[in-house]
Amino acid sequence: MDDSSIVRDSRFREVSEGRLDSKRRIGLGKIKHPAAYYRVYENEAGQIILDPQVVLPAAEAWLYSQKAALASVRRGLKQAAEGKARKLPSLAKHAGDRLE
């Protein structure tokens, strides 16, 4: 595996030291950017890299596999940030309508 795809910043600093407990866990200490989920990498020298990950619900994952839909969402977010969004009329009066 090419480590350039994992290591995004080579300026590491020591943040803590610790020992494995009886369940082979180690505390991270006070890290600056904690995450809830990590991908763990180990090299032949025994060095370990924890790469923070984001987990998203399966029901939302489809968006990232559909380039056109993702582009549309990003375009809409950009337009909203630029103040180009407009309020549409309420469709509440049609809530009870039957679909044919």
Foldseek 3Di string as FASTA:
>chain_A
DDCCVQDPDPDDDDQDDFDQDPVRDTDPHDDPDDAPDWDWDADPVGDIDTGHDDDDDPVPVVCVVDVVNVVVVVVVVVCVVVVNDDDDDDPVVCPPPDDD
